[in-house]
Amino acid sequence: MEFESFILKNKLQEKVIYIDHHECHAIGAFICSSFQKSLVITCDGRGDFQSFTVSLFTNSGFEVLQRETSIDSLGYFYS
């Protein structure tokens, strides 16, 4: 992949961190809310070959309860 080649060529392996697409959406939603505990649903066309997640967030962390692939999701159907 082009991005991975760029990282290797420029010796950036120690500076790059992979972050899941749907976890980014869900974390952003929880952090911007005023809730201490939340069930967060993400649904879009596709990101990281997934298009739907359900996660439980608390101030001490989170747990992904369900992930659906692109084909099995309302987000894929919508797009």
N, C-alpha and C. Protein backbone atom coordinates (compact mmCIF):
# COMPACT_ATOMS: atom_id res chain seq x y z
N MET A 1 0.84 -1.18 0.00
CA MET A 1 0.00 0.00 0.00
C MET A 1 0.88 1.25 0.00
N GLU A 2 0.38 2.28 -0.58
CA GLU A 2 1.15 3.50 -0.73
C GLU A 2 1.50 4.14 0.62
N PHE A 3 0.55 4.18 1.53
CA PHE A 3 0.81 4.80 2.82
C PHE A 3 1.86 4.02 3.62
N GLU A 4 1.73 2.70 3.62
CA GLU A 4 2.71 1.87 4.32
C GLU A 4 4.10 2.02 3.72
N SER A 5 4.18 2.10 2.41
CA SER A 5 5.47 2.30 1.74
C SER A 5 6.09 3.63 2.15
N PHE A 6 5.28 4.67 2.22
CA PHE A 6 5.76 5.99 2.64
C PHE A 6 6.32 5.95 4.05
N ILE A 7 5.62 5.27 4.94
CA ILE A 7 6.07 5.16 6.34
C ILE A 7 7.41 4.44 6.43
N LEU A 8 7.52 3.34 5.72
CA LEU A 8 8.78 2.58 5.74
C LEU A 8 9.92 3.37 5.11
N LYS A 9 9.67 3.99 3.98
CA LYS A 9 10.69 4.76 3.26
C LYS A 9 11.23 5.90 4.12
N ASN A 10 10.36 6.53 4.90
CA ASN A 10 10.76 7.69 5.71
C ASN A 10 11.03 7.34 7.17
N LYS A 11 11.07 6.04 7.47
CA LYS A 11 11.40 5.54 8.82
C LYS A 11 10.51 6.16 9.90
N LEU A 12 9.21 6.11 9.66
CA LEU A 12 8.24 6.72 10.57
C LEU A 12 7.46 5.68 11.39
N GLN A 13 7.90 4.42 11.38
CA GLN A 13 7.16 3.36 12.06
C GLN A 13 6.89 3.67 13.53
N GLU A 14 7.81 4.30 14.21
CA GLU A 14 7.66 4.59 15.64
C GLU A 14 6.70 5.76 15.90
N LYS A 15 6.36 6.50 14.86
CA LYS A 15 5.51 7.69 15.04
C LYS A 15 4.08 7.49 14.55
N VAL A 16 3.80 6.36 13.96
CA VAL A 16 2.48 6.11 13.39
C VAL A 16 1.70 5.16 14.30
N ILE A 17 0.46 5.52 14.59
CA ILE A 17 -0.41 4.71 15.44
C ILE A 17 -1.69 4.44 14.65
N TYR A 18 -2.08 3.18 14.58
CA TYR A 18 -3.33 2.81 13.93
C TYR A 18 -4.48 3.03 14.90
N ILE A 19 -5.52 3.71 14.43
CA ILE A 19 -6.73 3.93 15.23
C ILE A 19 -7.92 3.51 14.38
N ASP A 20 -8.75 2.64 14.91
CA ASP A 20 -9.92 2.13 14.20
C ASP A 20 -10.88 3.25 13.82
N HIS A 21 -11.37 3.20 12.60
CA HIS A 21 -12.27 4.23 12.04
C HIS A 21 -13.51 4.46 12.91
N HIS A 22 -14.22 3.39 13.22
CA HIS A 22 -15.47 3.54 13.99
C HIS A 22 -15.22 3.87 15.45
N GLU A 23 -14.11 3.37 16.00
CA GLU A 23 -13.77 3.74 17.38
C GLU A 23 -13.49 5.24 17.47
N CYS A 24 -12.88 5.82 16.44
CA CYS A 24 -12.65 7.27 16.43
C CYS A 24 -13.97 8.04 16.48
N HIS A 25 -14.93 7.63 15.65
CA HIS A 25 -16.25 8.28 15.67
C HIS A 25 -16.89 8.16 17.05
N ALA A 26 -16.87 6.95 17.59
CA ALA A 26 -17.54 6.70 18.87
C ALA A 26 -16.87 7.45 20.03
N ILE A 27 -15.55 7.44 20.07
CA ILE A 27 -14.81 8.15 21.13
C ILE A 27 -15.11 9.64 21.06
N GLY A 28 -15.11 10.20 19.86
CA GLY A 28 -15.43 11.62 19.70
C GLY A 28 -16.82 11.96 20.21
N ALA A 29 -17.79 11.09 19.92
CA ALA A 29 -19.16 11.33 20.40
C ALA A 29 -19.23 11.28 21.91
N PHE A 30 -18.57 10.29 22.52
CA PHE A 30 -18.63 10.15 23.98
C PHE A 30 -17.91 11.31 24.67
N ILE A 31 -16.75 11.66 24.20
CA ILE A 31 -15.97 12.73 24.84
C ILE A 31 -16.71 14.07 24.79
N CYS A 32 -17.45 14.31 23.70
CA CYS A 32 -18.17 15.58 23.57
C CYS A 32 -19.49 15.58 24.33
N SER A 33 -19.91 14.44 24.84
CA SER A 33 -21.15 14.40 25.61
C SER A 33 -20.87 14.71 27.07
N SER A 34 -21.92 14.89 27.82
CA SER A 34 -21.76 15.14 29.26
C SER A 34 -22.08 13.89 30.08
N PHE A 35 -22.25 12.76 29.40
CA PHE A 35 -22.65 11.53 30.09
C PHE A 35 -21.45 10.84 30.74
N GLN A 36 -21.72 10.17 31.86
CA GLN A 36 -20.71 9.38 32.55
C GLN A 36 -20.61 7.97 31.96
N LYS A 37 -21.71 7.51 31.37
CA LYS A 37 -21.78 6.18 30.77
C LYS A 37 -22.70 6.28 29.55
N SER A 38 -22.28 5.69 28.43
CA SER A 38 -23.07 5.81 27.20
C SER A 38 -22.97 4.56 26.35
N LEU A 39 -24.05 4.26 25.67
CA LEU A 39 -24.05 3.28 24.60
C LEU A 39 -23.96 4.08 23.31
N VAL A 40 -22.91 3.86 22.54
CA VAL A 40 -22.67 4.66 21.33
C VAL A 40 -22.78 3.76 20.11
N ILE A 41 -23.55 4.21 19.13
CA ILE A 41 -23.74 3.48 17.88
C ILE A 41 -23.11 4.29 16.76
N THR A 42 -22.29 3.65 15.95
CA THR A 42 -21.77 4.29 14.74
C THR A 42 -22.32 3.54 13.55
N CYS A 43 -22.65 4.29 12.51
CA CYS A 43 -23.21 3.67 11.31
C CYS A 43 -22.87 4.56 10.13
N ASP A 44 -22.10 4.05 9.19
CA ASP A 44 -21.79 4.80 7.97
C ASP A 44 -21.62 3.84 6.81
N GLY A 45 -21.24 4.35 5.69
CA GLY A 45 -21.11 3.52 4.49
C GLY A 45 -20.06 2.45 4.63
N ARG A 46 -18.87 2.83 5.08
CA ARG A 46 -17.81 1.85 5.27
C ARG A 46 -16.57 2.56 5.79
N GLY A 47 -15.90 1.95 6.74
CA GLY A 47 -14.61 2.42 7.24
C GLY A 47 -13.92 1.25 7.88
N ASP A 48 -12.73 0.92 7.45
CA ASP A 48 -12.00 -0.25 7.94
C ASP A 48 -12.81 -1.54 7.71
N PHE A 49 -13.54 -1.59 6.60
CA PHE A 49 -14.35 -2.75 6.21
C PHE A 49 -15.47 -3.05 7.20
N GLN A 50 -15.87 -2.06 7.94
CA GLN A 50 -17.01 -2.16 8.84
C GLN A 50 -17.93 -0.98 8.54
N SER A 51 -19.18 -1.11 8.92
CA SER A 51 -20.06 0.03 8.74
C SER A 51 -21.03 0.23 9.90
N PHE A 52 -20.87 -0.57 10.96
CA PHE A 52 -21.78 -0.43 12.11
C PHE A 52 -21.08 -0.98 13.35
N THR A 53 -21.10 -0.21 14.44
CA THR A 53 -20.60 -0.71 15.72
C THR A 53 -21.50 -0.23 16.84
N VAL A 54 -21.52 -1.01 17.91
CA VAL A 54 -22.20 -0.64 19.15
C VAL A 54 -21.15 -0.77 20.25
N SER A 55 -20.94 0.31 21.01
CA SER A 55 -19.90 0.32 22.05
C SER A 55 -20.47 0.88 23.35
N LEU A 56 -19.96 0.37 24.46
CA LEU A 56 -20.33 0.88 25.78
C LEU A 56 -19.15 1.67 26.32
N PHE A 57 -19.39 2.93 26.66
CA PHE A 57 -18.34 3.83 27.15
C PHE A 57 -18.60 4.23 28.59
N THR A 58 -17.55 4.27 29.38
CA THR A 58 -17.57 4.85 30.72
C THR A 58 -16.34 5.74 30.83
N ASN A 59 -16.23 6.46 31.93
CA ASN A 59 -15.06 7.32 32.11
C ASN A 59 -13.76 6.53 32.22
N SER A 60 -13.86 5.23 32.52
CA SER A 60 -12.64 4.43 32.67
C SER A 60 -12.27 3.64 31.42
N GLY A 61 -13.08 3.70 30.37
CA GLY A 61 -12.74 3.00 29.14
C GLY A 61 -13.97 2.66 28.32
N PHE A 62 -13.78 1.75 27.36
CA PHE A 62 -14.90 1.35 26.52
C PHE A 62 -14.74 -0.10 26.05
N GLU A 63 -15.87 -0.66 25.64
CA GLU A 63 -15.90 -2.02 25.12
C GLU A 63 -16.78 -2.03 23.88
N VAL A 64 -16.26 -2.56 22.79
CA VAL A 64 -17.06 -2.72 21.57
C VAL A 64 -17.90 -3.97 21.75
N LEU A 65 -19.22 -3.80 21.73
CA LEU A 65 -20.14 -4.90 21.95
C LEU A 65 -20.50 -5.63 20.66
N GLN A 66 -20.53 -4.90 19.55
CA GLN A 66 -20.92 -5.50 18.26
C GLN A 66 -20.26 -4.75 17.12
N ARG A 67 -19.78 -5.48 16.15
CA ARG A 67 -19.24 -4.92 14.90
C ARG A 67 -19.93 -5.64 13.75
N GLU A 68 -20.27 -4.89 12.72
CA GLU A 68 -20.85 -5.51 11.53
C GLU A 68 -20.03 -5.12 10.32
N THR A 69 -19.86 -6.08 9.42
CA THR A 69 -19.13 -5.80 8.20
C THR A 69 -19.96 -4.89 7.30
N SER A 70 -19.35 -4.41 6.28
CA SER A 70 -20.02 -3.49 5.36
C SER A 70 -21.29 -4.08 4.77
N ILE A 71 -21.27 -5.34 4.42
CA ILE A 71 -22.40 -5.96 3.75
C ILE A 71 -23.60 -6.14 4.68
N ASP A 72 -23.35 -6.33 5.98
CA ASP A 72 -24.43 -6.62 6.93
C ASP A 72 -24.97 -5.39 7.65
N SER A 73 -24.73 -4.20 7.14
CA SER A 73 -25.06 -3.01 7.91
C SER A 73 -26.09 -2.11 7.23
N LEU A 74 -26.87 -1.43 8.06
CA LEU A 74 -27.78 -0.40 7.55
C LEU A 74 -26.99 0.75 6.93
N GLY A 75 -25.80 1.00 7.43
CA GLY A 75 -24.97 2.06 6.85
C GLY A 75 -24.61 1.76 5.41
N TYR A 76 -24.30 0.53 5.12
CA TYR A 76 -24.00 0.11 3.74
C TYR A 76 -25.25 0.22 2.88
N PHE A 77 -26.39 -0.22 3.42
CA PHE A 77 -27.65 -0.12 2.70
C PHE A 77 -27.98 1.34 2.40
N TYR A 78 -27.78 2.22 3.38
CA TYR A 78 -28.06 3.64 3.21
C TYR A 78 -27.21 4.25 2.10
N SER A 79 -25.92 3.92 2.08
CA SER A 79 -25.05 4.53 1.07
C SER A 79 -25.27 3.91 -0.30
